[in-house]
Every structure is written in C-alpha cells, then in structure tokens.
C-alpha cells in the first residue's frame, strides 16, 4: 500500500537498537515458553537462545526523522513506523468492537540490527520477526525482507513488508485475548493449535489491510491509500513464501506435515483473504474443523 504523503506518522511507536555486542547464549526465559507462542515468523526454534548480555541501544535520530507518509513511502524503517501508527488506530477500535476484548498497545516495535536481547531471551537476524509475550514487544530486523524475497521467493513491495508487521501485531491481540496462553500444548501438525494461532494472525493482518485506508491520524488524514490488487498480491505472495510446506521444501527438500507449526502456503493465503473480505470477527480459526483450516 501507499501512504498518503501528508499523513502524520510521527506517533508510530517504534525504536531502533544497534548491534548487540554482548549477546550471550544459555539458560533463561525462553525455555518456559512454548515454541508457537513466541511465534517466530519463519518457525525458527528459539528455545536454545536465552538471556544474556547488555543491549547497545542506538539513538533514534533516524526514526525521529520519520514524520510523514512521504517518509514512509521512501524508507522501510519509516514504513514500519507508519504501519505501527495505523495498526494502533485500527486495533484500538477493532479489538473491543469485533472481538470483545479490551485493547492495550504493545510496547514500541523494536527494529534491530543483527542481534538483540528480549523478554524471551536473545535473538538474531536469523530468528526472523517475532512477538515476545512476556514483554509485549514485536522484534524485527528489516533485512528479513530481503531474505523473504531472495530465499523464499516472495514478491517485493511495501504491503508485503507491512503484512509481516501486521501478522506479528495480530499475535499481540491474541496475547491480550488469552489465546496464546490457552493454546499452549506443544503439539505440531496441520490441525495443531500452533497452526491455528498463526493462521488467525494472518487473518488479523488481512482485516487490517482491508481497513487501513480508513485509519486516520489526529488530523483526520488517512494514513494509507486503498490497496491495489497488485499490492494485495504482494501480501499474498509473502504469506505463501512463509508457508510450512514452502519453507520445508526450500530448506530440507521435502515436506513433513506432522511438524507443521504455521500452516501451508495455501492456508496462509486463504486466511489472510478471509480477514480481508470478512473482517477480524471471522478469524476464529479455533472453531473450525481441521478439514476447514
């Protein structure tokens, strides 16, 4: 999607962290959290990472320069800041109205470089974007978008990038609703709770995209212009690129459904589309039979 150039994105809650030179691996918080609750976007197992080291924070001078939609159209970090502003406005209304839950904003989105410490332990660029429930924070190294395109064949484009953030924001909504905690059972497979969690987050992302052109800044200016079909196709391409079947075929040369944690490419595209077409209230992946997932 394209931001309206004169929209005010200055309120988008994001921060930037420089490279963590003191990252340590070893015992700590991650071991007590189920894999799918941490919800790394690529399904990478973080349970071997934990604790450690001081975080070297970089000044947010560059993000402070991200003030308008024009900035968001030109720079990926500004785009994440603008998307965060839009997502906050959308969910502050949609969560109580469509899901019946009280909404509370997540902590500022953390854009990091190479490695960082989190409430879930240590993470690196290889982890992929993820939401950490204990500190209610989304962590994202924007170089992931290059990996998504070059390694997994996703289409490039702003909406493909914003879909990633919207998916992780969906996990925050699930955390507020108690879904993440209730779904912890450690199971994997095509109909597992882990897959249902991820497909619901895809659905929530689609619901935001459908309504993003109606979210406005404090002056009543829409953050984003209505998406074109080509832009929707970008988001669908990103959803397909991170399907369990696509990732397993790319990384191990075969598909093993009993280990699925995020859903197939087809499922991820379909649930994004359900959210886009029907809204967040239609995203209850836990009430459908396994054959309907």
Protein backbone atom coordinates (compact mmCIF):
# COMPACT_ATOMS: atom_id res chain seq x y z
CA UNK A 1 0.00 0.00 0.00
CA UNK A 2 0.99 3.62 -0.46
CA UNK A 3 0.93 6.14 2.37
CA UNK A 4 -0.77 9.47 1.87
CA UNK A 5 2.24 11.80 1.63
CA UNK A 6 0.82 14.35 4.08
CA UNK A 7 -0.31 11.89 6.74
CA UNK A 8 1.28 12.25 10.17
CA UNK A 9 3.15 9.09 11.18
CA UNK A 10 5.14 10.72 13.97
CA UNK A 11 3.09 8.89 16.60
CA UNK A 12 4.06 5.43 15.36
CA UNK A 13 5.68 3.76 18.35
CA UNK A 14 8.97 2.28 17.14
CA UNK A 15 12.55 2.23 18.35
CA UNK A 16 15.85 1.15 16.90
CA UNK A 17 18.62 -0.85 18.51
CA UNK A 18 22.14 -1.13 17.22
CA UNK A 19 24.15 -4.32 17.11
CA UNK A 20 24.23 -6.14 20.43
CA UNK A 21 27.90 -6.78 21.09
CA UNK A 22 27.29 -8.55 24.39
CA UNK A 23 24.83 -11.27 23.36
CA UNK A 24 25.19 -14.43 25.42
CA UNK A 25 23.52 -17.75 24.87
CA UNK A 26 22.50 -20.05 27.63
CA UNK A 27 19.84 -20.67 30.27
CA UNK A 28 16.96 -18.29 30.80
CA UNK A 29 13.48 -17.24 29.85
CA UNK A 30 12.85 -18.96 26.54
CA UNK A 31 12.71 -22.48 27.91
CA UNK A 32 9.44 -21.83 29.69
CA UNK A 33 7.59 -20.52 26.66
CA UNK A 34 6.02 -22.78 24.07
CA UNK A 35 7.54 -22.53 20.59
CA UNK A 36 4.44 -21.35 18.82
CA UNK A 37 3.69 -18.74 21.47
CA UNK A 38 6.91 -16.95 20.63
CA UNK A 39 5.74 -17.21 17.01
CA UNK A 40 8.85 -16.52 15.04
CA UNK A 41 7.69 -15.72 11.56
CA UNK A 42 9.83 -18.42 9.96
CA UNK A 43 9.15 -21.01 12.64
CA UNK A 44 12.75 -20.95 13.87
CA UNK A 45 13.22 -22.65 17.24
CA UNK A 46 14.37 -20.03 19.74
CA UNK A 47 14.46 -22.37 22.73
CA UNK A 48 18.24 -22.61 22.52
CA UNK A 49 18.60 -18.87 22.88
CA UNK A 50 18.25 -17.07 26.16
CA UNK A 51 19.23 -14.28 28.45
CA UNK A 52 22.43 -12.62 28.08
CA UNK A 53 24.38 -9.54 27.57
CA UNK A 54 23.74 -5.85 27.56
CA UNK A 55 21.90 -4.28 24.68
CA UNK A 56 23.68 -1.48 22.94
CA UNK A 57 20.91 0.93 22.08
CA UNK A 58 21.32 3.23 19.12
CA UNK A 59 19.88 6.76 19.22
CA UNK A 60 16.54 7.02 17.44
CA UNK A 61 17.63 10.07 15.46
CA UNK A 62 16.79 8.44 12.13
CA UNK A 63 13.36 7.30 13.26
CA UNK A 64 12.70 10.78 14.64
CA UNK A 65 13.02 11.98 11.05
CA UNK A 66 10.11 9.75 10.03
CA UNK A 67 7.31 12.28 10.24
CA UNK A 68 5.06 11.91 7.21
CA UNK A 69 3.60 9.38 4.84
CA UNK A 70 6.06 10.64 2.25
CA UNK A 71 8.88 9.46 4.51
CA UNK A 72 7.15 6.09 4.88
CA UNK A 73 6.94 5.71 1.12
CA UNK A 74 10.68 6.29 0.79
CA UNK A 75 12.23 4.35 3.69
CA UNK A 76 11.50 0.93 5.13
CA UNK A 77 12.11 1.97 8.74
CA UNK A 78 9.72 4.88 8.33
CA UNK A 79 7.28 2.47 6.70
CA UNK A 80 7.32 0.29 9.80
CA UNK A 81 6.73 3.38 11.94
CA UNK A 82 3.81 4.43 9.76
CA UNK A 83 2.32 0.95 9.75
CA UNK A 84 2.60 0.85 13.55
CA UNK A 85 0.66 4.10 13.76
CA UNK A 86 -2.08 2.69 11.52
CA UNK A 87 -2.24 -0.68 13.27
CA UNK A 88 -2.59 1.02 16.65
CA UNK A 89 -5.56 3.09 15.47
CA UNK A 90 -7.21 0.09 13.81
CA UNK A 91 -6.90 -2.34 16.73
CA UNK A 92 -7.87 0.18 19.40
CA UNK A 93 -11.31 0.11 17.78
CA UNK A 94 -11.47 -3.36 16.23
CA UNK A 95 -10.38 -5.32 19.31
CA UNK A 96 -13.32 -4.23 21.51
CA UNK A 97 -15.86 -3.86 18.71
CA UNK A 98 -15.21 -7.07 16.74
CA UNK A 99 -13.50 -9.35 19.25
CA UNK A 100 -14.97 -8.10 22.51
CA UNK A 101 -11.62 -7.64 24.24
CA UNK A 102 -10.05 -4.66 25.94
CA UNK A 103 -7.19 -3.29 23.90
CA UNK A 104 -3.81 -2.23 25.22
CA UNK A 105 -1.00 -1.06 22.97
CA UNK A 106 2.11 -3.23 22.68
CA UNK A 107 5.46 -1.83 23.63
CA UNK A 108 7.17 0.13 20.83
CA UNK A 109 8.19 -2.06 17.90
CA UNK A 110 11.91 -2.77 18.06
CA UNK A 111 13.86 -2.59 14.80
CA UNK A 112 17.22 -4.18 15.47
CA UNK A 113 20.49 -4.78 13.71
CA UNK A 114 21.91 -8.33 13.71
CA UNK A 115 21.10 -9.26 17.33
CA UNK A 116 19.22 -8.08 20.37
CA UNK A 117 18.07 -9.11 23.83
CA UNK A 118 14.37 -9.54 24.53
CA UNK A 119 11.99 -10.63 27.26
CA UNK A 120 12.12 -14.04 25.56
CA UNK A 121 15.92 -14.21 25.55
CA UNK A 122 18.45 -13.41 22.85
CA UNK A 123 17.54 -13.17 19.17
CA UNK A 124 19.45 -12.65 15.94
CA UNK A 125 18.59 -11.72 12.39
CA UNK A 126 18.27 -15.43 11.60
CA UNK A 127 15.37 -15.67 14.03
CA UNK A 128 13.01 -13.72 11.80
CA UNK A 129 10.41 -11.24 13.08
CA UNK A 130 8.60 -12.35 16.23
CA UNK A 131 6.33 -11.23 19.03
CA UNK A 132 7.50 -11.81 22.60
CA UNK A 133 4.56 -12.17 25.02
CA UNK A 134 6.45 -11.51 28.30
CA UNK A 135 7.49 -8.01 27.24
CA UNK A 136 4.63 -7.49 24.73
CA UNK A 137 7.06 -6.36 22.05
CA UNK A 138 7.48 -7.06 18.33
CA UNK A 139 11.10 -7.51 17.22
CA UNK A 140 12.11 -7.14 13.59
CA UNK A 141 15.35 -6.89 11.65
CA UNK A 142 14.28 -5.24 8.40
CA UNK A 143 16.94 -7.16 6.45
CA UNK A 144 14.47 -10.05 6.82
CA UNK A 145 12.52 -8.60 3.91
CA UNK A 146 15.48 -9.18 1.60
CA UNK A 147 15.66 -12.79 2.81
CA UNK A 148 11.94 -13.23 2.24
CA UNK A 149 12.38 -12.22 -1.38
CA UNK A 150 15.75 -13.75 -2.24
CA UNK A 151 15.48 -17.08 -0.43
CA UNK A 152 11.77 -17.83 -0.29
CA UNK A 153 10.58 -16.15 -3.46
CA UNK A 154 8.15 -13.59 -2.06
CA UNK A 155 7.23 -10.59 -4.19
CA UNK A 156 8.89 -7.38 -3.12
CA UNK A 157 6.75 -4.42 -2.15
CA UNK A 158 5.61 -2.22 0.74
CA UNK A 159 2.49 -4.22 1.53
CA UNK A 160 4.46 -7.46 1.68
CA UNK A 161 6.65 -5.78 4.32
CA UNK A 162 3.73 -4.34 6.27
CA UNK A 163 1.97 -7.71 6.22
CA UNK A 164 4.85 -9.09 8.29
CA UNK A 165 4.38 -6.41 10.96
CA UNK A 166 0.59 -6.79 10.87
CA UNK A 167 0.91 -10.55 11.40
CA UNK A 168 3.06 -10.02 14.49
CA UNK A 169 0.68 -7.35 15.76
CA UNK A 170 -2.02 -9.99 15.46
CA UNK A 171 -0.09 -12.09 17.97
CA UNK A 172 -0.26 -9.18 20.41
CA UNK A 173 -4.03 -9.12 20.02
CA UNK A 174 -4.09 -12.86 20.66
CA UNK A 175 -2.00 -12.35 23.77
CA UNK A 176 -4.47 -9.77 25.09
CA UNK A 177 -7.33 -12.18 24.41
CA UNK A 178 -5.61 -15.01 26.28
CA UNK A 179 -5.41 -17.09 23.10
CA UNK A 180 -1.65 -17.60 23.18
CA UNK A 181 -1.65 -18.90 26.72
CA UNK A 182 -4.70 -21.11 26.20
CA UNK A 183 -3.26 -22.63 23.02
CA UNK A 184 -0.04 -23.86 24.61
CA UNK A 185 0.12 -27.61 24.24
CA UNK A 186 3.42 -28.15 22.44
CA UNK A 187 1.76 -30.02 19.58
CA UNK A 188 2.63 -29.67 15.90
CA UNK A 189 0.88 -30.77 12.73
CA UNK A 190 -1.66 -29.50 10.19
CA UNK A 191 -4.51 -29.01 12.69
CA UNK A 192 -2.45 -28.16 15.78
CA UNK A 193 -3.14 -25.17 17.98
CA UNK A 194 0.16 -23.72 16.81
CA UNK A 195 -1.04 -23.66 13.22
CA UNK A 196 -4.38 -22.21 14.28
CA UNK A 197 -2.58 -19.40 16.12
CA UNK A 198 -0.54 -18.49 13.04
CA UNK A 199 -3.45 -18.65 10.61
CA UNK A 200 -5.51 -16.42 12.88
CA UNK A 201 -2.66 -13.87 12.92
CA UNK A 202 -2.66 -13.96 9.11
CA UNK A 203 -6.40 -13.38 9.16
CA UNK A 204 -6.00 -10.44 11.52
CA UNK A 205 -3.40 -8.98 9.14
CA UNK A 206 -5.86 -9.23 6.27
CA UNK A 207 -8.54 -7.48 8.33
CA UNK A 208 -6.21 -4.56 8.97
CA UNK A 209 -5.26 -4.28 5.30
CA UNK A 210 -8.92 -4.07 4.31
CA UNK A 211 -9.50 -1.23 6.76
CA UNK A 212 -6.14 0.54 6.61
CA UNK A 213 -7.38 3.22 4.23
CA UNK A 214 -9.96 4.20 6.87
CA UNK A 215 -7.49 4.62 9.73
CA UNK A 216 -6.62 8.27 10.19
CA UNK A 217 -4.11 10.44 12.01
CA UNK A 218 -5.11 13.07 14.58
CA UNK A 219 -5.97 15.49 11.79
CA UNK A 220 -8.33 13.05 10.11
CA UNK A 221 -5.97 12.26 7.23
CA UNK A 222 -5.91 8.60 6.18
CA UNK A 223 -2.54 7.03 6.79
CA UNK A 224 -2.79 4.85 3.70
CA UNK A 225 -4.42 4.83 0.32
CA UNK A 226 -6.69 1.90 -0.65
CA UNK A 227 -4.62 -1.10 -1.74
CA UNK A 228 -4.47 -2.07 -5.39
CA UNK A 229 -4.88 -5.67 -6.49
CA UNK A 230 -1.19 -5.77 -7.31
CA UNK A 231 -0.38 -4.76 -3.75
CA UNK A 232 -2.76 -7.38 -2.32
CA UNK A 233 -0.95 -9.91 -4.49
CA UNK A 234 2.32 -8.81 -2.85
CA UNK A 235 0.94 -9.60 0.59
CA UNK A 236 -0.41 -12.95 -0.60
CA UNK A 237 2.98 -13.75 -2.08
CA UNK A 238 4.63 -13.03 1.28
CA UNK A 239 2.07 -15.23 3.05
CA UNK A 240 2.77 -18.09 0.64
CA UNK A 241 6.53 -17.68 0.99
CA UNK A 242 6.39 -18.48 4.70
CA UNK A 243 4.09 -21.49 4.49
CA UNK A 244 5.43 -24.57 6.24
CA UNK A 245 5.42 -26.57 3.02
CA UNK A 246 7.32 -23.90 1.07
CA UNK A 247 9.93 -23.43 3.80
CA UNK A 248 10.46 -27.16 4.31
CA UNK A 249 10.77 -27.80 0.60
CA UNK A 250 13.31 -24.98 0.32
CA UNK A 251 15.37 -25.85 3.39
CA UNK A 252 15.18 -29.64 3.61
CA UNK A 253 13.96 -30.77 0.19
CA UNK A 254 10.81 -32.48 1.48
CA UNK A 255 7.58 -31.69 3.28
CA UNK A 256 6.81 -33.26 6.67
CA UNK A 257 3.26 -32.24 7.66
CA UNK A 258 3.44 -33.67 11.18
CA UNK A 259 5.97 -30.95 12.04
CA UNK A 260 3.89 -28.02 10.73
CA UNK A 261 3.75 -25.02 13.07
CA UNK A 262 2.47 -22.20 10.84
CA UNK A 263 0.27 -23.69 8.10
CA UNK A 264 0.73 -24.27 4.40
CA UNK A 265 1.16 -21.57 1.80
CA UNK A 266 -2.42 -22.13 0.63
CA UNK A 267 -3.79 -21.88 4.17
CA UNK A 268 -1.90 -18.71 4.95
CA UNK A 269 -3.12 -17.02 1.80
CA UNK A 270 -6.69 -18.19 2.37
CA UNK A 271 -6.92 -16.97 5.95
CA UNK A 272 -5.39 -13.63 5.02
CA UNK A 273 -8.14 -13.36 2.40
CA UNK A 274 -10.84 -14.30 4.91
CA UNK A 275 -9.75 -11.46 7.15
CA UNK A 276 -9.54 -9.08 4.21
CA UNK A 277 -13.00 -9.95 2.96
CA UNK A 278 -14.89 -10.58 6.21
CA UNK A 279 -13.08 -8.72 8.98
CA UNK A 280 -11.46 -9.68 12.27
CA UNK A 281 -14.64 -11.25 13.68
CA UNK A 282 -14.37 -14.01 11.05
CA UNK A 283 -10.88 -15.02 12.18
CA UNK A 284 -11.72 -17.66 14.80
CA UNK A 285 -9.53 -20.47 13.50
CA UNK A 286 -10.13 -22.44 16.70
CA UNK A 287 -13.80 -23.06 15.94
CA UNK A 288 -13.40 -24.61 12.52
CA UNK A 289 -12.92 -28.29 11.88
CA UNK A 290 -9.45 -29.39 10.86
CA UNK A 291 -10.66 -30.02 7.31
CA UNK A 292 -11.70 -26.34 7.08
CA UNK A 293 -8.41 -24.87 8.22
